[in-house]
């Protein structure tokens, strides 16, 4: 009986070593502000807003407690995909360039975000993009 239990335990440990892993791309987070640094989501200026991909499919968005927006499930592809942001204040386009993750796990990584539009200033703020809409 003891040998059987030891065999089952060893089999479990050996089979769990080869499990697949997945690296999701880092989240894309936007903060929208005006020229004075006022958050346009928390003050209600930007509502309603949405993001559509190049196939006119809506992107799931999550608002954070501090007035930022997380774009859900973007960057899970190989290549470049175009998006459009819609709001009463401004409409602008951006693209996300992604590639397969080159490491021990499967997955994707976002290589580049490119913004286009009139009167838009974007700065990378270590973990999120601050977008000044004028």
N, C-alpha and C. Protein backbone atom coordinates (compact mmCIF):
# COMPACT_ATOMS: atom_id res chain seq x y z
N UNK A 1 0.82 -1.19 0.00
CA UNK A 1 0.00 0.00 0.00
C UNK A 1 0.87 1.26 0.00
N UNK A 2 1.92 1.22 0.79
CA UNK A 2 2.82 2.36 0.88
C UNK A 2 3.48 2.66 -0.47
N UNK A 3 3.87 1.61 -1.17
CA UNK A 3 4.49 1.77 -2.48
C UNK A 3 3.50 2.35 -3.49
N UNK A 4 2.25 1.95 -3.39
CA UNK A 4 1.23 2.47 -4.30
C UNK A 4 1.03 3.96 -4.09
N UNK A 5 0.96 4.38 -2.83
CA UNK A 5 0.79 5.81 -2.53
C UNK A 5 2.00 6.60 -3.01
N UNK A 6 3.19 6.09 -2.76
CA UNK A 6 4.41 6.75 -3.23
C UNK A 6 4.42 6.85 -4.75
N UNK A 7 4.01 5.80 -5.42
CA UNK A 7 3.94 5.81 -6.89
C UNK A 7 2.95 6.86 -7.39
N UNK A 8 1.78 6.95 -6.76
CA UNK A 8 0.78 7.95 -7.18
C UNK A 8 1.27 9.37 -6.95
N UNK A 9 1.92 9.60 -5.81
CA UNK A 9 2.46 10.93 -5.52
C UNK A 9 3.53 11.31 -6.55
N UNK A 10 4.41 10.41 -6.85
CA UNK A 10 5.47 10.68 -7.84
C UNK A 10 4.88 10.92 -9.23
N UNK A 11 3.86 10.15 -9.59
CA UNK A 11 3.20 10.34 -10.88
C UNK A 11 2.57 11.72 -10.95
N UNK A 12 1.94 12.17 -9.87
CA UNK A 12 1.33 13.49 -9.84
C UNK A 12 2.37 14.58 -10.04
N UNK A 13 3.47 14.50 -9.33
CA UNK A 13 4.52 15.52 -9.45
C UNK A 13 5.15 15.52 -10.83
N UNK A 14 5.34 14.37 -11.41
CA UNK A 14 5.95 14.29 -12.74
C UNK A 14 5.02 14.85 -13.81
N UNK A 15 3.73 14.63 -13.68
CA UNK A 15 2.80 15.12 -14.69
C UNK A 15 2.57 16.61 -14.56
N UNK A 16 2.69 17.17 -13.38
CA UNK A 16 2.45 18.61 -13.20
C UNK A 16 3.62 19.46 -13.66
N UNK A 17 4.80 18.88 -13.84
CA UNK A 17 5.96 19.66 -14.27
C UNK A 17 5.85 20.12 -15.72
N UNK A 18 5.10 19.41 -16.54
CA UNK A 18 5.04 19.74 -17.95
C UNK A 18 3.82 20.55 -18.34
N UNK A 19 3.15 21.21 -17.40
CA UNK A 19 1.95 21.96 -17.72
C UNK A 19 2.28 23.16 -18.61
N UNK A 20 1.31 23.50 -19.44
CA UNK A 20 1.44 24.66 -20.31
C UNK A 20 1.25 25.93 -19.49
N UNK A 21 1.90 27.00 -19.91
CA UNK A 21 1.67 28.29 -19.27
C UNK A 21 1.37 29.31 -20.36
N UNK A 22 0.77 30.43 -19.96
CA UNK A 22 0.36 31.46 -20.90
C UNK A 22 0.68 32.83 -20.31
N UNK A 23 1.29 33.68 -21.13
CA UNK A 23 1.57 35.06 -20.75
C UNK A 23 0.61 35.97 -21.51
N UNK A 24 -0.29 36.60 -20.80
CA UNK A 24 -1.19 37.57 -21.41
C UNK A 24 -0.43 38.88 -21.61
N UNK A 25 -0.79 39.67 -22.62
CA UNK A 25 -0.12 40.96 -22.78
C UNK A 25 -0.41 41.87 -21.59
N UNK A 26 0.47 42.80 -21.33
CA UNK A 26 0.23 43.77 -20.27
C UNK A 26 -1.03 44.56 -20.59
N UNK A 27 -1.76 44.99 -19.58
CA UNK A 27 -3.00 45.73 -19.86
C UNK A 27 -2.72 47.09 -20.49
N UNK A 28 -3.67 47.53 -21.30
CA UNK A 28 -3.61 48.87 -21.88
C UNK A 28 -4.57 49.73 -21.05
N UNK A 29 -4.02 50.77 -20.42
CA UNK A 29 -4.80 51.63 -19.53
C UNK A 29 -4.68 53.07 -19.99
N UNK A 30 -5.82 53.74 -20.13
CA UNK A 30 -5.86 55.15 -20.53
C UNK A 30 -6.40 55.99 -19.38
N UNK A 31 -5.84 57.20 -19.27
CA UNK A 31 -6.40 58.23 -18.39
C UNK A 31 -6.62 59.45 -19.27
N UNK A 32 -7.85 59.96 -19.27
CA UNK A 32 -8.20 61.11 -20.11
C UNK A 32 -8.30 62.35 -19.24
N UNK A 33 -7.53 63.39 -19.61
CA UNK A 33 -7.54 64.64 -18.86
C UNK A 33 -7.67 65.82 -19.83
N UNK A 34 -8.03 66.99 -19.26
CA UNK A 34 -8.06 68.22 -20.06
C UNK A 34 -6.73 68.95 -19.88
N UNK A 35 -6.63 70.15 -20.45
CA UNK A 35 -5.39 70.94 -20.36
C UNK A 35 -4.96 71.24 -18.93
N UNK A 36 -5.93 71.28 -18.01
CA UNK A 36 -5.62 71.60 -16.62
C UNK A 36 -5.36 70.36 -15.76
N UNK A 37 -5.39 69.19 -16.37
CA UNK A 37 -5.15 67.95 -15.64
C UNK A 37 -6.37 67.36 -14.98
N UNK A 38 -7.56 67.92 -15.26
CA UNK A 38 -8.79 67.39 -14.68
C UNK A 38 -9.18 66.10 -15.39
N UNK A 39 -9.50 65.06 -14.62
CA UNK A 39 -9.88 63.78 -15.18
C UNK A 39 -11.27 63.90 -15.82
N UNK A 40 -11.35 63.59 -17.12
CA UNK A 40 -12.59 63.77 -17.87
C UNK A 40 -13.61 62.67 -17.63
N UNK A 41 -13.19 61.57 -17.02
CA UNK A 41 -14.14 60.51 -16.69
C UNK A 41 -14.78 60.80 -15.34
N UNK A 42 -13.97 61.17 -14.36
CA UNK A 42 -14.53 61.43 -13.03
C UNK A 42 -15.42 62.66 -13.01
N UNK A 43 -15.15 63.66 -13.88
CA UNK A 43 -16.02 64.84 -13.88
C UNK A 43 -17.19 64.70 -14.86
N UNK A 44 -17.30 63.56 -15.56
CA UNK A 44 -18.45 63.28 -16.41
C UNK A 44 -18.40 63.86 -17.81
N UNK A 45 -17.35 64.59 -18.16
CA UNK A 45 -17.24 65.23 -19.46
C UNK A 45 -17.15 64.23 -20.61
N UNK A 46 -16.50 63.13 -20.39
CA UNK A 46 -16.20 62.19 -21.47
C UNK A 46 -17.33 61.18 -21.72
N UNK A 47 -18.27 61.06 -20.83
CA UNK A 47 -19.32 60.04 -20.95
C UNK A 47 -20.37 60.41 -21.97
N UNK A 48 -20.89 59.48 -22.74
CA UNK A 48 -20.46 58.09 -22.87
C UNK A 48 -19.26 57.98 -23.82
N UNK A 49 -18.52 56.90 -23.71
CA UNK A 49 -17.40 56.66 -24.61
C UNK A 49 -17.32 55.17 -24.92
N UNK A 50 -16.65 54.86 -26.05
CA UNK A 50 -16.49 53.46 -26.46
C UNK A 50 -15.26 53.32 -27.34
N UNK A 51 -14.82 52.09 -27.51
CA UNK A 51 -13.70 51.77 -28.40
C UNK A 51 -14.15 50.64 -29.30
N UNK A 52 -13.92 50.81 -30.61
CA UNK A 52 -14.26 49.79 -31.60
C UNK A 52 -12.99 49.40 -32.34
N UNK A 53 -12.89 48.11 -32.69
CA UNK A 53 -11.74 47.69 -33.49
C UNK A 53 -12.04 47.91 -34.96
N UNK A 54 -11.09 47.57 -35.81
CA UNK A 54 -11.22 47.83 -37.25
C UNK A 54 -12.36 47.07 -37.90
N UNK A 55 -12.89 46.05 -37.23
CA UNK A 55 -14.03 45.29 -37.74
C UNK A 55 -15.34 45.75 -37.12
N UNK A 56 -15.32 46.92 -36.47
CA UNK A 56 -16.47 47.50 -35.79
C UNK A 56 -17.00 46.63 -34.66
N UNK A 57 -16.10 45.92 -34.01
CA UNK A 57 -16.43 45.12 -32.83
C UNK A 57 -16.03 45.92 -31.60
N UNK A 58 -16.94 46.04 -30.67
CA UNK A 58 -16.67 46.81 -29.46
C UNK A 58 -15.63 46.14 -28.57
N UNK A 59 -14.80 46.95 -27.96
CA UNK A 59 -13.78 46.48 -27.02
C UNK A 59 -14.36 46.64 -25.62
N UNK A 60 -14.26 45.60 -24.81
CA UNK A 60 -14.72 45.68 -23.42
C UNK A 60 -13.84 46.66 -22.66
N UNK A 61 -14.48 47.55 -21.91
CA UNK A 61 -13.77 48.57 -21.13
C UNK A 61 -14.14 48.44 -19.67
N UNK A 62 -13.15 48.65 -18.80
CA UNK A 62 -13.39 48.63 -17.36
C UNK A 62 -12.90 49.95 -16.79
N UNK A 63 -13.80 50.66 -16.10
CA UNK A 63 -13.41 51.90 -15.42
C UNK A 63 -12.84 51.56 -14.05
N UNK A 64 -11.74 52.22 -13.71
CA UNK A 64 -11.15 52.03 -12.38
C UNK A 64 -11.66 53.10 -11.42
N UNK A 65 -11.44 52.89 -10.15
CA UNK A 65 -11.90 53.84 -9.14
C UNK A 65 -11.21 55.20 -9.26
N UNK A 66 -10.00 55.22 -9.83
CA UNK A 66 -9.28 56.49 -9.96
C UNK A 66 -9.45 57.15 -11.32
N UNK A 67 -10.50 56.76 -12.08
CA UNK A 67 -10.83 57.45 -13.32
C UNK A 67 -10.03 57.03 -14.53
N UNK A 68 -9.47 55.85 -14.51
CA UNK A 68 -8.77 55.33 -15.68
C UNK A 68 -9.64 54.28 -16.36
N UNK A 69 -9.26 53.91 -17.59
CA UNK A 69 -10.01 52.91 -18.36
C UNK A 69 -9.06 51.82 -18.80
N UNK A 70 -9.43 50.57 -18.51
CA UNK A 70 -8.65 49.41 -18.96
C UNK A 70 -9.31 48.84 -20.20
N UNK A 71 -8.54 48.70 -21.28
CA UNK A 71 -9.03 48.06 -22.49
C UNK A 71 -8.82 46.56 -22.34
N UNK A 72 -9.89 45.81 -22.34
CA UNK A 72 -9.82 44.37 -22.08
C UNK A 72 -9.52 43.59 -23.37
N UNK A 73 -8.69 42.58 -23.23
CA UNK A 73 -8.41 41.61 -24.30
C UNK A 73 -7.88 42.23 -25.59
N UNK A 74 -7.06 43.25 -25.49
CA UNK A 74 -6.39 43.79 -26.68
C UNK A 74 -4.94 43.30 -26.66
N UNK A 75 -4.37 43.14 -27.83
CA UNK A 75 -2.99 42.70 -27.94
C UNK A 75 -2.83 41.20 -28.02
N UNK A 76 -3.93 40.47 -28.14
CA UNK A 76 -3.86 39.00 -28.20
C UNK A 76 -3.91 38.58 -29.66
N UNK A 77 -2.89 38.99 -30.42
CA UNK A 77 -2.81 38.68 -31.84
C UNK A 77 -1.39 38.92 -32.31
N UNK A 78 -1.10 38.47 -33.49
CA UNK A 78 0.19 38.69 -34.13
C UNK A 78 -0.02 39.70 -35.25
N UNK A 79 0.59 40.87 -35.16
CA UNK A 79 0.44 41.89 -36.20
C UNK A 79 -0.03 43.21 -35.63
N UNK A 80 -0.72 43.99 -36.47
CA UNK A 80 -1.20 45.31 -36.08
C UNK A 80 -2.70 45.38 -36.25
N UNK A 81 -3.37 45.96 -35.27
CA UNK A 81 -4.82 46.12 -35.32
C UNK A 81 -5.15 47.58 -35.03
N UNK A 82 -6.11 48.12 -35.77
CA UNK A 82 -6.52 49.52 -35.63
C UNK A 82 -7.79 49.63 -34.79
N UNK A 83 -7.85 50.69 -33.99
CA UNK A 83 -8.98 50.94 -33.11
C UNK A 83 -9.42 52.40 -33.24
N UNK A 84 -10.69 52.66 -32.89
CA UNK A 84 -11.20 54.03 -32.85
C UNK A 84 -11.86 54.26 -31.50
N UNK A 85 -11.51 55.38 -30.89
CA UNK A 85 -12.10 55.81 -29.63
C UNK A 85 -13.18 56.84 -29.94
N UNK A 86 -14.39 56.64 -29.41
CA UNK A 86 -15.51 57.54 -29.64
C UNK A 86 -15.97 58.15 -28.32
N UNK A 87 -16.18 59.48 -28.32
CA UNK A 87 -16.74 60.18 -27.17
C UNK A 87 -17.34 61.50 -27.64
N UNK A 88 -18.14 62.17 -26.79
CA UNK A 88 -18.67 63.48 -27.17
C UNK A 88 -17.57 64.53 -27.30
N UNK A 89 -16.44 64.33 -26.62
CA UNK A 89 -15.35 65.30 -26.64
C UNK A 89 -14.46 65.13 -27.87
N UNK A 90 -14.12 63.89 -28.20
CA UNK A 90 -13.15 63.65 -29.28
C UNK A 90 -13.28 62.24 -29.80
N UNK A 91 -13.02 62.10 -31.09
CA UNK A 91 -12.87 60.79 -31.74
C UNK A 91 -11.43 60.74 -32.24
N UNK A 92 -10.74 59.64 -31.93
CA UNK A 92 -9.38 59.49 -32.43
C UNK A 92 -9.08 58.02 -32.68
N UNK A 93 -8.04 57.78 -33.44
CA UNK A 93 -7.63 56.42 -33.79
C UNK A 93 -6.32 56.07 -33.09
N UNK A 94 -6.14 54.79 -32.85
CA UNK A 94 -4.86 54.29 -32.38
C UNK A 94 -4.70 52.86 -32.88
N UNK A 95 -3.47 52.42 -32.91
CA UNK A 95 -3.20 51.05 -33.35
C UNK A 95 -2.32 50.36 -32.32
N UNK A 96 -2.47 49.05 -32.26
CA UNK A 96 -1.67 48.23 -31.36
C UNK A 96 -0.94 47.20 -32.20
N UNK A 97 0.37 47.17 -32.03
CA UNK A 97 1.21 46.18 -32.70
C UNK A 97 1.64 45.14 -31.67
N UNK A 98 1.32 43.88 -31.93
CA UNK A 98 1.63 42.80 -30.99
C UNK A 98 2.37 41.68 -31.70
N UNK A 99 3.02 40.86 -30.91
CA UNK A 99 3.71 39.69 -31.46
C UNK A 99 3.66 38.56 -30.43
N UNK A 100 3.99 37.37 -30.91
CA UNK A 100 4.04 36.23 -30.01
C UNK A 100 5.15 36.41 -28.99
N UNK A 101 4.91 35.99 -27.79
CA UNK A 101 5.88 36.07 -26.71
C UNK A 101 6.98 35.04 -26.96
N UNK A 102 8.22 35.47 -26.89
CA UNK A 102 9.36 34.58 -27.10
C UNK A 102 9.98 34.24 -25.76
N UNK A 103 9.43 33.25 -25.12
CA UNK A 103 9.94 32.85 -23.81
C UNK A 103 9.54 31.42 -23.54
N UNK A 104 9.54 31.03 -22.30
CA UNK A 104 9.21 29.67 -21.93
C UNK A 104 7.73 29.36 -22.01
N UNK A 105 6.88 30.37 -22.12
CA UNK A 105 5.43 30.19 -22.15
C UNK A 105 4.86 30.72 -23.46
N UNK A 106 3.67 30.28 -23.78
CA UNK A 106 2.95 30.81 -24.93
C UNK A 106 2.33 32.14 -24.54
N UNK A 107 2.02 32.96 -25.51
CA UNK A 107 1.34 34.21 -25.24
C UNK A 107 1.72 35.29 -26.22
N UNK A 108 1.30 36.51 -25.92
CA UNK A 108 1.53 37.66 -26.78
C UNK A 108 2.04 38.82 -25.95
N UNK A 109 2.72 39.74 -26.63
CA UNK A 109 3.20 40.96 -26.00
C UNK A 109 2.89 42.13 -26.91
N UNK A 110 2.56 43.26 -26.30
CA UNK A 110 2.31 44.48 -27.07
C UNK A 110 3.64 45.17 -27.28
N UNK A 111 3.98 45.40 -28.54
CA UNK A 111 5.25 46.03 -28.88
C UNK A 111 5.14 47.54 -29.01
N UNK A 112 3.99 48.01 -29.51
CA UNK A 112 3.90 49.44 -29.82
C UNK A 112 2.44 49.88 -29.86
N UNK A 113 2.17 51.05 -29.30
CA UNK A 113 0.88 51.73 -29.44
C UNK A 113 1.14 53.03 -30.19
N UNK A 114 0.34 53.30 -31.19
CA UNK A 114 0.48 54.52 -31.98
C UNK A 114 -0.86 55.25 -31.97
N UNK A 115 -0.84 56.52 -31.60
CA UNK A 115 -2.04 57.35 -31.54
C UNK A 115 -2.05 58.33 -32.70
N UNK A 116 -3.23 58.55 -33.30
CA UNK A 116 -3.38 59.56 -34.34
C UNK A 116 -4.64 60.36 -34.04
N UNK A 117 -4.60 61.62 -34.32
CA UNK A 117 -5.75 62.47 -34.10
C UNK A 117 -5.33 63.91 -33.93
N UNK A 118 -6.29 64.78 -34.04
CA UNK A 118 -6.03 66.21 -33.93
C UNK A 118 -6.16 66.63 -32.47
N UNK A 119 -5.22 67.41 -31.99
CA UNK A 119 -5.22 67.98 -30.63
C UNK A 119 -5.22 66.90 -29.56
N UNK A 120 -4.34 65.92 -29.72
CA UNK A 120 -4.19 64.88 -28.71
C UNK A 120 -2.72 64.83 -28.30
N UNK A 121 -2.47 64.91 -27.00
CA UNK A 121 -1.13 64.72 -26.46
C UNK A 121 -1.17 63.45 -25.60
N UNK A 122 -0.24 62.54 -25.85
CA UNK A 122 -0.21 61.28 -25.11
C UNK A 122 1.17 61.14 -24.47
N UNK A 123 1.17 60.81 -23.17
CA UNK A 123 2.43 60.52 -22.50
C UNK A 123 2.31 59.17 -21.81
N UNK A 124 3.38 58.40 -21.86
CA UNK A 124 3.46 57.11 -21.19
C UNK A 124 3.81 57.38 -19.74
N UNK A 125 2.93 57.00 -18.83
CA UNK A 125 3.10 57.31 -17.40
C UNK A 125 3.44 56.07 -16.57
N UNK A 126 4.30 55.20 -17.08
CA UNK A 126 4.72 54.00 -16.33
C UNK A 126 3.52 53.15 -15.92
N UNK A 127 2.91 52.52 -16.87
CA UNK A 127 1.79 51.63 -16.58
C UNK A 127 0.48 52.07 -17.18
N UNK A 128 0.38 53.31 -17.58
CA UNK A 128 -0.82 53.78 -18.26
C UNK A 128 -0.47 54.95 -19.18
N UNK A 129 -1.39 55.25 -20.09
CA UNK A 129 -1.19 56.35 -21.03
C UNK A 129 -2.12 57.50 -20.62
N UNK A 130 -1.52 58.65 -20.38
CA UNK A 130 -2.31 59.84 -20.08
C UNK A 130 -2.56 60.57 -21.40
N UNK A 131 -3.83 60.77 -21.71
CA UNK A 131 -4.24 61.37 -22.97
C UNK A 131 -4.88 62.71 -22.66
N UNK A 132 -4.28 63.79 -23.16
CA UNK A 132 -4.81 65.14 -22.96
C UNK A 132 -5.66 65.47 -24.17
N UNK A 133 -6.97 65.63 -23.95
CA UNK A 133 -7.89 66.00 -25.02
C UNK A 133 -8.15 67.49 -24.94
N UNK A 134 -7.84 68.19 -26.02
CA UNK A 134 -7.98 69.65 -26.05
C UNK A 134 -9.23 70.04 -26.80
